[in-house]
Amino acid sequence: MIIAIPSDKESLDSAVCVSFGRSPFYCLYNTETKQSTFLVNSAADSPGGAGIKAAQILVDNKANILITIRCGENAARVLQPANVELFKALNLSVADNISAHEQNKLAPLKEVHAGYHNGH
C-alpha cells in the first residue's frame, strides 16, 4: 500500500504541508517495503487547478491513502473515484503521521472544503 503525504521538505522529519495542492513535495511511503520516496509537486506553481493536478499525480503514482491537513473538493473528486482514502493529518512530522496511521490513530478526513480558486 502507498501512503501519500504533502510535505514542506524532502525529509521524513518535515512538517506536513498545510496546502495539499501547492505542497512543494509529496512523500510516498510503501507500507510493504517501508521505503519512502519524495516527488516534487509539478502542480505547485500552477496558476489554477493545482489541487486537481496534484491529485492526479498521486493517482498516477498509485497512492492508496492520502494523509493531509485539508483537501479541496476538486482534488477530492479526482482522488475518491480512484479509491484513495483520505485521512486527517496530525500537526506532526511526516514520519509521525505514517506511524499514527499504522497504529490506526488517524481519523478519516470528512471535511472537504470548496478550495481556493484564483487565490481566494
N, C-alpha and C. Protein backbone atom coordinates (compact mmCIF):
# COMPACT_ATOMS: atom_id res chain seq x y z
N MET A 1 0.84 -1.17 0.00
CA MET A 1 0.00 0.00 0.00
C MET A 1 0.89 1.24 0.00
N ILE A 2 0.47 2.27 -0.74
CA ILE A 2 1.23 3.52 -0.82
C ILE A 2 0.48 4.63 -0.07
N ILE A 3 1.16 5.23 0.90
CA ILE A 3 0.62 6.37 1.64
C ILE A 3 1.28 7.63 1.09
N ALA A 4 0.48 8.61 0.73
CA ALA A 4 0.99 9.90 0.25
C ALA A 4 0.74 10.98 1.30
N ILE A 5 1.74 11.84 1.49
CA ILE A 5 1.63 12.93 2.46
C ILE A 5 2.29 14.17 1.88
N PRO A 6 1.57 15.30 1.81
CA PRO A 6 2.22 16.54 1.35
C PRO A 6 3.24 17.00 2.38
N SER A 7 4.44 17.37 1.92
CA SER A 7 5.48 17.76 2.86
C SER A 7 6.17 19.05 2.42
N ASP A 8 6.65 19.77 3.42
CA ASP A 8 7.35 21.03 3.17
C ASP A 8 8.77 20.79 2.64
N LYS A 9 9.37 19.65 3.02
CA LYS A 9 10.75 19.34 2.64
C LYS A 9 10.84 17.88 2.22
N GLU A 10 11.95 17.52 1.59
CA GLU A 10 12.19 16.13 1.21
C GLU A 10 12.80 15.36 2.38
N SER A 11 12.01 15.23 3.44
CA SER A 11 12.51 14.57 4.64
C SER A 11 11.34 14.02 5.45
N LEU A 12 11.55 12.86 6.04
CA LEU A 12 10.51 12.29 6.91
C LEU A 12 10.32 13.14 8.16
N ASP A 13 11.32 13.97 8.49
CA ASP A 13 11.21 14.86 9.64
C ASP A 13 10.46 16.16 9.29
N SER A 14 10.13 16.33 8.02
CA SER A 14 9.44 17.54 7.58
C SER A 14 8.04 17.63 8.19
N ALA A 15 7.59 18.87 8.33
CA ALA A 15 6.19 19.09 8.70
C ALA A 15 5.31 18.71 7.52
N VAL A 16 4.09 18.30 7.82
CA VAL A 16 3.10 18.08 6.77
C VAL A 16 2.71 19.46 6.24
N CYS A 17 2.73 19.61 4.93
CA CYS A 17 2.40 20.91 4.33
C CYS A 17 0.90 21.18 4.50
N VAL A 18 0.56 22.40 4.90
CA VAL A 18 -0.86 22.74 5.12
C VAL A 18 -1.64 22.84 3.82
N SER A 19 -0.97 23.05 2.71
CA SER A 19 -1.65 23.17 1.42
C SER A 19 -1.43 21.91 0.61
N PHE A 20 -2.49 21.17 0.36
CA PHE A 20 -2.36 19.93 -0.41
C PHE A 20 -1.87 20.21 -1.83
N GLY A 21 -2.59 21.03 -2.57
CA GLY A 21 -2.29 21.25 -3.98
C GLY A 21 -1.01 22.02 -4.24
N ARG A 22 -0.61 22.84 -3.30
CA ARG A 22 0.59 23.67 -3.50
C ARG A 22 1.77 23.20 -2.65
N SER A 23 1.67 22.00 -2.14
CA SER A 23 2.76 21.42 -1.37
C SER A 23 4.00 21.30 -2.26
N PRO A 24 5.18 21.64 -1.75
CA PRO A 24 6.39 21.51 -2.58
C PRO A 24 6.72 20.06 -2.94
N PHE A 25 6.41 19.14 -2.02
CA PHE A 25 6.75 17.73 -2.21
C PHE A 25 5.62 16.83 -1.71
N TYR A 26 5.67 15.58 -2.15
CA TYR A 26 4.81 14.53 -1.60
C TYR A 26 5.71 13.37 -1.20
N CYS A 27 5.54 12.92 0.02
CA CYS A 27 6.21 11.70 0.45
C CYS A 27 5.32 10.54 0.04
N LEU A 28 5.89 9.56 -0.63
CA LEU A 28 5.19 8.32 -0.94
C LEU A 28 5.86 7.23 -0.12
N TYR A 29 5.09 6.67 0.80
CA TYR A 29 5.62 5.66 1.71
C TYR A 29 4.98 4.32 1.38
N ASN A 30 5.81 3.32 1.10
CA ASN A 30 5.34 1.98 0.79
C ASN A 30 5.28 1.17 2.08
N THR A 31 4.08 0.79 2.50
CA THR A 31 3.92 0.08 3.77
C THR A 31 4.51 -1.32 3.75
N GLU A 32 4.68 -1.91 2.57
CA GLU A 32 5.24 -3.26 2.48
C GLU A 32 6.76 -3.24 2.57
N THR A 33 7.39 -2.31 1.85
CA THR A 33 8.86 -2.27 1.83
C THR A 33 9.43 -1.33 2.90
N LYS A 34 8.56 -0.51 3.49
CA LYS A 34 8.96 0.50 4.48
C LYS A 34 9.89 1.55 3.87
N GLN A 35 9.82 1.73 2.57
CA GLN A 35 10.64 2.71 1.86
C GLN A 35 9.82 3.96 1.55
N SER A 36 10.48 5.09 1.60
CA SER A 36 9.80 6.34 1.23
C SER A 36 10.56 7.02 0.10
N THR A 37 9.82 7.64 -0.77
CA THR A 37 10.40 8.45 -1.84
C THR A 37 9.66 9.78 -1.82
N PHE A 38 10.30 10.78 -2.38
CA PHE A 38 9.68 12.11 -2.43
C PHE A 38 9.53 12.56 -3.87
N LEU A 39 8.35 13.05 -4.19
CA LEU A 39 8.07 13.61 -5.51
C LEU A 39 8.05 15.12 -5.41
N VAL A 40 8.62 15.79 -6.39
CA VAL A 40 8.46 17.24 -6.50
C VAL A 40 7.08 17.47 -7.08
N ASN A 41 6.32 18.36 -6.47
CA ASN A 41 4.97 18.66 -6.96
C ASN A 41 5.04 19.63 -8.13
N SER A 42 4.92 19.11 -9.33
CA SER A 42 4.97 19.95 -10.53
C SER A 42 3.75 20.85 -10.66
N ALA A 43 2.71 20.60 -9.87
CA ALA A 43 1.50 21.43 -9.90
C ALA A 43 1.56 22.62 -8.96
N ALA A 44 2.58 22.67 -8.11
CA ALA A 44 2.64 23.69 -7.04
C ALA A 44 2.57 25.12 -7.56
N ASP A 45 3.16 25.39 -8.70
CA ASP A 45 3.19 26.75 -9.23
C ASP A 45 2.14 27.00 -10.31
N SER A 46 1.19 26.09 -10.45
CA SER A 46 0.14 26.26 -11.46
C SER A 46 -0.70 27.49 -11.14
N PRO A 47 -1.07 28.27 -12.17
CA PRO A 47 -1.91 29.44 -11.91
C PRO A 47 -3.31 29.05 -11.40
N GLY A 48 -3.75 27.87 -11.72
CA GLY A 48 -5.05 27.39 -11.25
C GLY A 48 -5.09 25.88 -11.36
N GLY A 49 -5.99 25.26 -10.62
CA GLY A 49 -6.16 23.82 -10.70
C GLY A 49 -5.05 23.01 -10.07
N ALA A 50 -4.30 23.61 -9.15
CA ALA A 50 -3.17 22.90 -8.54
C ALA A 50 -3.63 21.64 -7.81
N GLY A 51 -4.74 21.72 -7.10
CA GLY A 51 -5.24 20.56 -6.36
C GLY A 51 -5.61 19.41 -7.26
N ILE A 52 -6.27 19.71 -8.37
CA ILE A 52 -6.67 18.67 -9.33
C ILE A 52 -5.43 18.01 -9.92
N LYS A 53 -4.47 18.83 -10.34
CA LYS A 53 -3.24 18.30 -10.93
C LYS A 53 -2.46 17.48 -9.91
N ALA A 54 -2.36 17.98 -8.68
CA ALA A 54 -1.64 17.26 -7.63
C ALA A 54 -2.32 15.92 -7.33
N ALA A 55 -3.64 15.93 -7.28
CA ALA A 55 -4.38 14.69 -7.03
C ALA A 55 -4.11 13.67 -8.12
N GLN A 56 -4.06 14.13 -9.37
CA GLN A 56 -3.80 13.22 -10.49
C GLN A 56 -2.38 12.65 -10.41
N ILE A 57 -1.43 13.46 -9.96
CA ILE A 57 -0.06 12.97 -9.77
C ILE A 57 -0.05 11.81 -8.78
N LEU A 58 -0.80 11.95 -7.68
CA LEU A 58 -0.84 10.89 -6.67
C LEU A 58 -1.54 9.64 -7.19
N VAL A 59 -2.62 9.84 -7.95
CA VAL A 59 -3.32 8.69 -8.55
C VAL A 59 -2.37 7.98 -9.52
N ASP A 60 -1.67 8.75 -10.35
CA ASP A 60 -0.74 8.17 -11.32
C ASP A 60 0.40 7.42 -10.64
N ASN A 61 0.74 7.82 -9.42
CA ASN A 61 1.80 7.15 -8.65
C ASN A 61 1.25 6.08 -7.72
N LYS A 62 0.02 5.68 -7.96
CA LYS A 62 -0.61 4.53 -7.28
C LYS A 62 -0.82 4.71 -5.78
N ALA A 63 -1.04 5.96 -5.34
CA ALA A 63 -1.33 6.19 -3.92
C ALA A 63 -2.65 5.53 -3.54
N ASN A 64 -2.68 4.88 -2.40
CA ASN A 64 -3.90 4.27 -1.87
C ASN A 64 -4.52 5.12 -0.77
N ILE A 65 -3.66 5.89 -0.09
CA ILE A 65 -4.08 6.69 1.06
C ILE A 65 -3.43 8.06 0.95
N LEU A 66 -4.19 9.08 1.29
CA LEU A 66 -3.64 10.43 1.39
C LEU A 66 -3.86 10.90 2.82
N ILE A 67 -2.78 11.29 3.47
CA ILE A 67 -2.85 11.88 4.81
C ILE A 67 -2.55 13.36 4.61
N THR A 68 -3.53 14.21 4.90
CA THR A 68 -3.38 15.63 4.62
C THR A 68 -4.14 16.45 5.67
N ILE A 69 -3.74 17.69 5.81
CA ILE A 69 -4.41 18.57 6.77
C ILE A 69 -5.77 18.99 6.23
N ARG A 70 -5.82 19.28 4.92
CA ARG A 70 -7.10 19.62 4.30
C ARG A 70 -7.02 19.29 2.82
N CYS A 71 -8.20 19.21 2.20
CA CYS A 71 -8.28 18.84 0.80
C CYS A 71 -9.46 19.57 0.18
N GLY A 72 -9.26 20.12 -1.00
CA GLY A 72 -10.35 20.80 -1.71
C GLY A 72 -11.25 19.81 -2.42
N GLU A 73 -12.47 20.26 -2.70
CA GLU A 73 -13.45 19.34 -3.29
C GLU A 73 -13.06 18.90 -4.71
N ASN A 74 -12.40 19.76 -5.48
CA ASN A 74 -12.00 19.36 -6.83
C ASN A 74 -10.93 18.27 -6.78
N ALA A 75 -9.99 18.40 -5.86
CA ALA A 75 -8.98 17.35 -5.69
C ALA A 75 -9.65 16.06 -5.21
N ALA A 76 -10.58 16.18 -4.29
CA ALA A 76 -11.30 15.01 -3.77
C ALA A 76 -12.06 14.29 -4.89
N ARG A 77 -12.56 15.05 -5.87
CA ARG A 77 -13.28 14.45 -7.00
C ARG A 77 -12.36 13.62 -7.89
N VAL A 78 -11.06 13.86 -7.82
CA VAL A 78 -10.09 13.04 -8.55
C VAL A 78 -9.68 11.84 -7.69
N LEU A 79 -9.47 12.08 -6.40
CA LEU A 79 -8.97 11.04 -5.50
C LEU A 79 -10.01 9.96 -5.17
N GLN A 80 -11.21 10.38 -4.87
CA GLN A 80 -12.22 9.42 -4.39
C GLN A 80 -12.61 8.37 -5.43
N PRO A 81 -12.83 8.73 -6.70
CA PRO A 81 -13.14 7.69 -7.69
C PRO A 81 -11.98 6.71 -7.91
N ALA A 82 -10.76 7.15 -7.60
CA ALA A 82 -9.58 6.28 -7.71
C ALA A 82 -9.38 5.47 -6.44
N ASN A 83 -10.35 5.54 -5.53
CA ASN A 83 -10.33 4.79 -4.27
C ASN A 83 -9.15 5.15 -3.37
N VAL A 84 -8.75 6.42 -3.40
CA VAL A 84 -7.72 6.91 -2.48
C VAL A 84 -8.44 7.34 -1.21
N GLU A 85 -8.10 6.71 -0.10
CA GLU A 85 -8.72 7.05 1.18
C GLU A 85 -8.06 8.30 1.75
N LEU A 86 -8.88 9.18 2.33
CA LEU A 86 -8.38 10.44 2.88
C LEU A 86 -8.39 10.38 4.40
N PHE A 87 -7.25 10.74 5.00
CA PHE A 87 -7.13 10.79 6.45
C PHE A 87 -6.64 12.16 6.88
N LYS A 88 -7.08 12.59 8.05
CA LYS A 88 -6.72 13.89 8.62
C LYS A 88 -5.34 13.80 9.27
N ALA A 89 -4.41 14.60 8.78
CA ALA A 89 -3.06 14.62 9.34
C ALA A 89 -3.05 15.27 10.72
N LEU A 90 -2.17 14.79 11.56
CA LEU A 90 -1.92 15.41 12.85
C LEU A 90 -0.88 16.51 12.63
N ASN A 91 -0.83 17.45 13.52
CA ASN A 91 0.13 18.54 13.40
C ASN A 91 1.51 18.07 13.87
N LEU A 92 2.02 17.08 13.13
CA LEU A 92 3.30 16.43 13.45
C LEU A 92 4.10 16.25 12.18
N SER A 93 5.22 15.57 12.27
CA SER A 93 6.06 15.32 11.10
C SER A 93 5.42 14.28 10.18
N VAL A 94 5.98 14.18 8.98
CA VAL A 94 5.56 13.16 8.03
C VAL A 94 5.71 11.77 8.66
N ALA A 95 6.87 11.50 9.25
CA ALA A 95 7.13 10.20 9.88
C ALA A 95 6.14 9.90 10.99
N ASP A 96 5.83 10.89 11.80
CA ASP A 96 4.88 10.69 12.90
C ASP A 96 3.48 10.39 12.38
N ASN A 97 3.11 10.98 11.26
CA ASN A 97 1.80 10.70 10.67
C ASN A 97 1.74 9.30 10.07
N ILE A 98 2.85 8.85 9.49
CA ILE A 98 2.90 7.47 8.99
C ILE A 98 2.74 6.51 10.16
N SER A 99 3.46 6.75 11.23
CA SER A 99 3.37 5.91 12.42
C SER A 99 1.96 5.92 13.01
N ALA A 100 1.36 7.11 13.08
CA ALA A 100 0.00 7.22 13.61
C ALA A 100 -0.99 6.43 12.75
N HIS A 101 -0.80 6.46 11.42
CA HIS A 101 -1.69 5.70 10.55
C HIS A 101 -1.51 4.20 10.78
N GLU A 102 -0.28 3.76 10.91
CA GLU A 102 -0.01 2.34 11.14
C GLU A 102 -0.59 1.86 12.47
N GLN A 103 -0.79 2.78 13.42
CA GLN A 103 -1.37 2.44 14.72
C GLN A 103 -2.87 2.74 14.75
N ASN A 104 -3.46 3.02 13.57
CA ASN A 104 -4.89 3.33 13.46
C ASN A 104 -5.31 4.51 14.33
N LYS A 105 -4.46 5.54 14.40
CA LYS A 105 -4.74 6.70 15.24
C LYS A 105 -5.20 7.92 14.44
N LEU A 106 -5.34 7.78 13.12
CA LEU A 106 -5.79 8.91 12.30
C LEU A 106 -7.26 8.77 11.95
N ALA A 107 -7.96 9.88 12.01
CA ALA A 107 -9.38 9.88 11.66
C ALA A 107 -9.53 10.11 10.16
N PRO A 108 -10.59 9.58 9.58
CA PRO A 108 -10.86 9.90 8.18
C PRO A 108 -11.06 11.41 8.01
N LEU A 109 -10.63 11.94 6.88
CA LEU A 109 -10.83 13.36 6.57
C LEU A 109 -12.24 13.49 6.01
N LYS A 110 -13.12 14.07 6.79
CA LYS A 110 -14.53 14.16 6.38
C LYS A 110 -14.87 15.53 5.81
N GLU A 111 -14.13 16.55 6.20
CA GLU A 111 -14.43 17.91 5.75
C GLU A 111 -13.59 18.25 4.53
N VAL A 112 -14.24 18.27 3.38
CA VAL A 112 -13.58 18.68 2.14
C VAL A 112 -14.07 20.08 1.85
N HIS A 113 -13.14 21.02 1.71
CA HIS A 113 -13.53 22.43 1.53
C HIS A 113 -13.72 22.77 0.06
N ALA A 114 -14.29 23.92 -0.20
CA ALA A 114 -14.60 24.34 -1.56
C ALA A 114 -13.36 24.65 -2.39
N GLY A 115 -12.21 24.79 -1.76
CA GLY A 115 -10.99 25.08 -2.49
C GLY A 115 -10.70 26.56 -2.49
N TYR A 116 -9.54 26.89 -2.97
CA TYR A 116 -9.10 28.29 -3.02
C TYR A 116 -8.92 28.67 -4.48
N HIS A 117 -10.01 29.00 -5.09
CA HIS A 117 -9.99 29.30 -6.52
C HIS A 117 -9.49 30.71 -6.78
N ASN A 118 -8.57 30.81 -7.74
CA ASN A 118 -7.98 32.09 -8.12
C ASN A 118 -7.38 32.82 -6.94
N GLY A 119 -6.79 32.07 -6.03
CA GLY A 119 -6.11 32.68 -4.89
C GLY A 119 -7.04 33.19 -3.79
N HIS A 120 -8.33 32.82 -3.86
CA HIS A 120 -9.28 33.29 -2.83
C HIS A 120 -9.62 32.20 -1.85
